[in-house]
C-alpha atoms as a PDB file:
ATOM      1  CA  MET A   1       5.596  46.642 -27.411  1.00  0.00           C
ATOM      2  CA  ALA A   2       5.084  50.338 -25.959  1.00  0.00           C
ATOM      3  CA  LYS A   3       7.467  53.092 -26.932  1.00  0.00           C
ATOM      4  CA  LYS A   4       9.415  54.682 -24.541  1.00  0.00           C
ATOM      5  CA  SER A   5       8.792  58.660 -23.761  1.00  0.00           C
ATOM      6  CA  LYS A   6      11.882  60.624 -23.596  1.00  0.00           C
ATOM      7  CA  LYS A   7      11.807  63.742 -22.278  1.00  0.00           C
ATOM      8  CA  GLN A   8      12.500  66.345 -24.738  1.00  0.00           C
ATOM      9  CA  ALA A   9      13.487  69.890 -24.854  1.00  0.00           C
ATOM     10  CA  GLY A  10      13.570  73.280 -27.436  1.00  0.00           C
ATOM     11  CA  HIS A  11      17.031  71.537 -28.686  1.00  0.00           C
ATOM     12  CA  GLY A  12      15.981  68.162 -29.780  1.00  0.00           C
ATOM     13  CA  GLY A  13      17.326  65.785 -27.303  1.00  0.00           C
ATOM     14  CA  SER A  14      16.680  64.748 -23.528  1.00  0.00           C
ATOM     15  CA  THR A  15      17.842  67.131 -20.959  1.00  0.00           C
ATOM     16  CA  ILE A  16      20.351  65.790 -18.738  1.00  0.00           C
ATOM     17  CA  ALA A  17      21.351  69.320 -17.145  1.00  0.00           C
ATOM     18  CA  LEU A  18      19.752  72.552 -17.036  1.00  0.00           C
ATOM     19  CA  ASN A  19      21.006  76.009 -15.510  1.00  0.00           C
ATOM     20  CA  LYS A  20      18.340  77.894 -14.718  1.00  0.00           C
ATOM     21  CA  LYS A  21      20.792  80.694 -12.851  1.00  0.00           C
ATOM     22  CA  ALA A  22      22.424  81.714 -16.105  1.00  0.00           C
ATOM     23  CA  ARG A  23      18.367  82.610 -17.359  1.00  0.00           C
ATOM     24  CA  HIS A  24      18.301  85.035 -14.432  1.00  0.00           C
ATOM     25  CA  GLU A  25      22.031  86.178 -14.282  1.00  0.00           C
ATOM     26  CA  TYR A  26      21.902  86.646 -17.988  1.00  0.00           C
ATOM     27  CA  PHE A  27      20.503  87.730 -20.993  1.00  0.00           C
ATOM     28  CA  ILE A  28      21.003  85.265 -23.653  1.00  0.00           C
ATOM     29  CA  GLU A  29      20.930  86.483 -27.029  1.00  0.00           C
ATOM     30  CA  ASP A  30      22.171  83.398 -28.804  1.00  0.00           C
ATOM     31  CA  ARG A  31      22.705  80.074 -28.661  1.00  0.00           C
ATOM     32  CA  TYR A  32      25.348  77.644 -29.771  1.00  0.00           C
ATOM     33  CA  GLU A  33      25.421  73.489 -29.997  1.00  0.00           C
ATOM     34  CA  ALA A  34      29.162  72.349 -28.909  1.00  0.00           C
ATOM     35  CA  GLY A  35      30.201  68.822 -28.357  1.00  0.00           C
ATOM     36  CA  ILE A  36      32.185  68.400 -25.416  1.00  0.00           C
ATOM     37  CA  SER A  37      35.499  66.308 -25.051  1.00  0.00           C
ATOM     38  CA  LEU A  38      34.586  63.496 -22.729  1.00  0.00           C
ATOM     39  CA  GLN A  39      36.378  60.532 -21.199  1.00  0.00           C
ATOM     40  CA  GLY A  40      34.581  57.106 -20.560  1.00  0.00           C
ATOM     41  CA  TRP A  41      33.785  57.312 -16.840  1.00  0.00           C
ATOM     42  CA  GLU A  42      32.225  60.727 -17.252  1.00  0.00           C
ATOM     43  CA  VAL A  43      29.837  59.488 -20.137  1.00  0.00           C
ATOM     44  CA  LYS A  44      28.378  56.790 -17.622  1.00  0.00           C
ATOM     45  CA  SER A  45      28.347  58.993 -14.841  1.00  0.00           C
ATOM     46  CA  ILE A  46      26.592  61.087 -17.151  1.00  0.00           C
ATOM     47  CA  ARG A  47      24.075  58.334 -18.310  1.00  0.00           C
ATOM     48  CA  ASP A  48      23.218  58.353 -14.509  1.00  0.00           C
ATOM     49  CA  GLY A  49      22.139  61.746 -13.774  1.00  0.00           C
ATOM     50  CA  ARG A  50      25.571  62.548 -11.545  1.00  0.00           C
ATOM     51  CA  VAL A  51      26.353  65.973 -13.204  1.00  0.00           C
ATOM     52  CA  GLN A  52      26.178  69.747 -12.153  1.00  0.00           C
ATOM     53  CA  ILE A  53      26.573  72.460 -14.443  1.00  0.00           C
ATOM     54  CA  THR A  54      24.703  75.942 -12.258  1.00  0.00           C
ATOM     55  CA  ASP A  55      28.299  77.054 -11.042  1.00  0.00           C
ATOM     56  CA  SER A  56      29.985  76.071 -14.543  1.00  0.00           C
ATOM     57  CA  TYR A  57      31.122  78.404 -17.378  1.00  0.00           C
ATOM     58  CA  ILE A  58      33.234  78.413 -20.530  1.00  0.00           C
ATOM     59  CA  PHE A  59      36.482  80.429 -21.145  1.00  0.00           C
ATOM     60  CA  ILE A  60      38.459  80.579 -24.354  1.00  0.00           C
ATOM     61  CA  ARG A  61      42.140  80.215 -24.316  1.00  0.00           C
ATOM     62  CA  GLY A  62      44.261  79.815 -27.206  1.00  0.00           C
ATOM     63  CA  GLY A  63      41.316  80.056 -29.833  1.00  0.00           C
ATOM     64  CA  GLU A  64      39.453  76.742 -27.879  1.00  0.00           C
ATOM     65  CA  ALA A  65      36.783  76.946 -25.731  1.00  0.00           C
ATOM     66  CA  PHE A  66      36.952  74.728 -22.643  1.00  0.00           C
ATOM     67  CA  LEU A  67      34.382  73.977 -20.127  1.00  0.00           C
ATOM     68  CA  VAL A  68      35.168  74.768 -16.501  1.00  0.00           C
ATOM     69  CA  GLY A  69      33.085  74.078 -12.834  1.00  0.00           C
ATOM     70  CA  THR A  70      31.031  71.319 -14.060  1.00  0.00           C
ATOM     71  CA  ASN A  71      31.204  68.793 -11.597  1.00  0.00           C
ATOM     72  CA  ILE A  72      30.639  65.126 -12.983  1.00  0.00           C
ATOM     73  CA  THR A  73      30.168  62.642  -9.904  1.00  0.00           C
ATOM     74  CA  PRO A  74      32.225  59.307 -10.636  1.00  0.00           C
ATOM     75  CA  LEU A  75      30.625  56.518  -9.934  1.00  0.00           C
ATOM     76  CA  LEU A  76      31.477  53.992  -7.302  1.00  0.00           C
ATOM     77  CA  SER A  77      32.130  51.326  -9.779  1.00  0.00           C
ATOM     78  CA  ALA A  78      34.853  53.277 -11.810  1.00  0.00           C
ATOM     79  CA  SER A  79      37.463  51.155 -13.017  1.00  0.00           C
ATOM     80  CA  THR A  80      40.077  50.869 -10.565  1.00  0.00           C
ATOM     81  CA  HIS A  81      43.117  51.924 -12.851  1.00  0.00           C
ATOM     82  CA  ILE A  82      42.220  55.514 -13.323  1.00  0.00           C
ATOM     83  CA  LYS A  83      41.730  58.318 -10.899  1.00  0.00           C
ATOM     84  CA  PRO A  84      38.659  60.148 -12.188  1.00  0.00           C
ATOM     85  CA  GLU A  85      38.684  64.402 -11.509  1.00  0.00           C
ATOM     86  CA  PRO A  86      35.279  65.232 -11.135  1.00  0.00           C
ATOM     87  CA  MET A  87      36.184  69.524 -11.865  1.00  0.00           C
ATOM     88  CA  ARG A  88      38.546  68.678 -14.449  1.00  0.00           C
ATOM     89  CA  SER A  89      38.410  71.557 -17.469  1.00  0.00           C
ATOM     90  CA  ARG A  90      36.545  70.054 -20.526  1.00  0.00           C
ATOM     91  CA  LYS A  91      37.695  70.909 -24.182  1.00  0.00           C
ATOM     92  CA  LEU A  92      34.608  72.202 -26.187  1.00  0.00           C
ATOM     93  CA  LEU A  93      33.982  70.865 -29.619  1.00  0.00           C
ATOM     94  CA  LEU A  94      33.027  73.719 -31.770  1.00  0.00           C
ATOM     95  CA  HIS A  95      33.250  74.822 -35.912  1.00  0.00           C
ATOM     96  CA  ARG A  96      35.554  76.662 -36.243  1.00  0.00           C
ATOM     97  CA  GLU A  97      33.806  80.250 -37.867  1.00  0.00           C
ATOM     98  CA  GLU A  98      31.992  79.384 -34.676  1.00  0.00           C
ATOM     99  CA  LEU A  99      34.525  80.186 -32.392  1.00  0.00           C
ATOM    100  CA  ASP A 100      36.227  82.775 -34.491  1.00  0.00           C
ATOM    101  CA  LYS A 101      32.525  84.715 -34.020  1.00  0.00           C
ATOM    102  CA  LEU A 102      32.584  83.564 -29.657  1.00  0.00           C
ATOM    103  CA  VAL A 103      36.088  84.967 -29.440  1.00  0.00           C
ATOM    104  CA  GLY A 104      35.030  88.108 -31.450  1.00  0.00           C
ATOM    105  CA  MET A 105      31.498  88.552 -29.684  1.00  0.00           C
ATOM    106  CA  VAL A 106      33.643  88.054 -25.930  1.00  0.00           C
ATOM    107  CA  GLU A 107      36.597  89.688 -26.551  1.00  0.00           C
ATOM    108  CA  ARG A 108      35.552  93.183 -28.521  1.00  0.00           C
ATOM    109  CA  LYS A 109      31.763  93.396 -27.242  1.00  0.00           C
ATOM    110  CA  GLY A 110      32.049  92.386 -23.559  1.00  0.00           C
ATOM    111  CA  TYR A 111      29.978  89.603 -23.886  1.00  0.00           C
ATOM    112  CA  THR A 112      30.111  86.167 -21.836  1.00  0.00           C
ATOM    113  CA  LEU A 113      29.638  82.514 -22.660  1.00  0.00           C
ATOM    114  CA  VAL A 114      27.566  80.455 -20.510  1.00  0.00           C
ATOM    115  CA  PRO A 115      25.997  76.604 -20.261  1.00  0.00           C
ATOM    116  CA  THR A 116      22.507  76.705 -20.320  1.00  0.00           C
ATOM    117  CA  ALA A 117      21.717  72.814 -20.830  1.00  0.00           C
ATOM    118  CA  LEU A 118      23.384  69.693 -21.366  1.00  0.00           C
ATOM    119  CA  TYR A 119      21.278  66.892 -23.525  1.00  0.00           C
ATOM    120  CA  TRP A 120      21.702  63.851 -25.434  1.00  0.00           C
ATOM    121  CA  LYS A 121      21.632  63.983 -29.258  1.00  0.00           C
ATOM    122  CA  LYS A 122      22.338  61.013 -31.262  1.00  0.00           C
ATOM    123  CA  GLY A 123      23.344  58.957 -28.318  1.00  0.00           C
ATOM    124  CA  LYS A 124      26.197  62.079 -28.093  1.00  0.00           C
ATOM    125  CA  VAL A 125      26.265  64.343 -25.123  1.00  0.00           C
ATOM    126  CA  LYS A 126      25.906  68.100 -26.374  1.00  0.00           C
ATOM    127  CA  LEU A 127      26.261  71.458 -24.516  1.00  0.00           C
ATOM    128  CA  GLU A 128      24.053  74.623 -25.113  1.00  0.00           C
ATOM    129  CA  VAL A 129      25.899  77.179 -25.122  1.00  0.00           C
ATOM    130  CA  GLY A 130      24.774  80.704 -24.504  1.00  0.00           C
ATOM    131  CA  LEU A 131      25.934  84.337 -25.935  1.00  0.00           C
ATOM    132  CA  ALA A 132      24.962  86.580 -22.933  1.00  0.00           C
ATOM    133  CA  LYS A 133      25.507  89.679 -21.515  1.00  0.00           C
ATOM    134  CA  GLY A 134      25.256  90.353 -17.303  1.00  0.00           C
ATOM    135  CA  LYS A 135      21.870  91.700 -15.815  1.00  0.00           C
ATOM    136  CA  GLN A 136      21.409  94.241 -13.218  1.00  0.00           C
ATOM    137  CA  LEU A 137      19.907  94.334 -10.220  1.00  0.00           C
ATOM    138  CA  HIS A 138      16.862  96.016 -11.585  1.00  0.00           C
ATOM    139  CA  ASP A 139      16.544  94.304 -14.667  1.00  0.00           C
ATOM    140  CA  LYS A 140      16.056  91.217 -12.254  1.00  0.00           C
ATOM    141  CA  ARG A 141      13.692  92.223 -10.406  1.00  0.00           C
ATOM    142  CA  GLU A 142      11.775  93.458 -13.412  1.00  0.00           C
ATOM    143  CA  THR A 143      12.128  89.866 -15.212  1.00  0.00           C
ATOM    144  CA  GLU A 144      10.240  88.619 -11.989  1.00  0.00           C
ATOM    145  CA  LYS A 145       7.945  91.076 -11.683  1.00  0.00           C
ATOM    146  CA  ASN A 146       6.716  90.236 -15.579  1.00  0.00           C
ATOM    147  CA  ARG A 147       6.910  86.383 -14.650  1.00  0.00           C
ATOM    148  CA  ASP A 148       4.393  86.947 -11.527  1.00  0.00           C
ATOM    149  CA  TRP A 149       2.424  89.668 -14.001  1.00  0.00           C
ATOM    150  CA  ASP A 150       2.066  86.986 -16.193  1.00  0.00           C
ATOM    151  CA  ARG A 151       1.239  83.976 -13.727  1.00  0.00           C
ATOM    152  CA  ASP A 152      -1.436  86.085 -12.528  1.00  0.00           C
ATOM    153  CA  LYS A 153      -2.679  87.372 -15.969  1.00  0.00           C
ATOM    154  CA  GLN A 154      -3.043  83.405 -16.748  1.00  0.00           C
ATOM    155  CA  ARG A 155      -5.096  83.111 -13.660  1.00  0.00           C
ATOM    156  CA  ILE A 156      -7.549  85.350 -13.845  1.00  0.00           C
ATOM    157  CA  LEU A 157      -8.288  84.566 -17.663  1.00  0.00           C
ATOM    158  CA  LYS A 158      -8.963  80.780 -16.415  1.00  0.00           C
ATOM    159  CA  ALA A 159     -11.024  82.352 -14.120  1.00  0.00           C
ATOM    160  CA  GLN A 160     -12.900  83.910 -16.203  1.00  0.00           C
END
């Protein structure tokens, strides 16, 4: 019997969705793993790959973290007795110590919480939350310039 290959990411599970825009817009200084409170139809849609986290963000209210702006498109075969809401806010499941630390960093030090990746871990959907600072325009240009230079450097070394 042949083994099924999984697309592995740095967080130990198979990747569902990445937020490449977050790496461009922010300096991500620390990463946390959070569970998400989902409904049944949402999990089925995620298994089908109908999720987008590019324009989503995280806010903290009342000592709890919420994911807003994530679009989970419902399947056509969703149940008829529920009304799927694709853009609803979803509660993030974090340990109290992690949540207290994040609240302190966001409120006092001006950090932002951004979702960077959505992935499977032991059959559960996990969200990688990045503690980030915003980039200025010149920082974005410098990052792009360094990336181009590294690419050119690799080409030069490969040609020799």
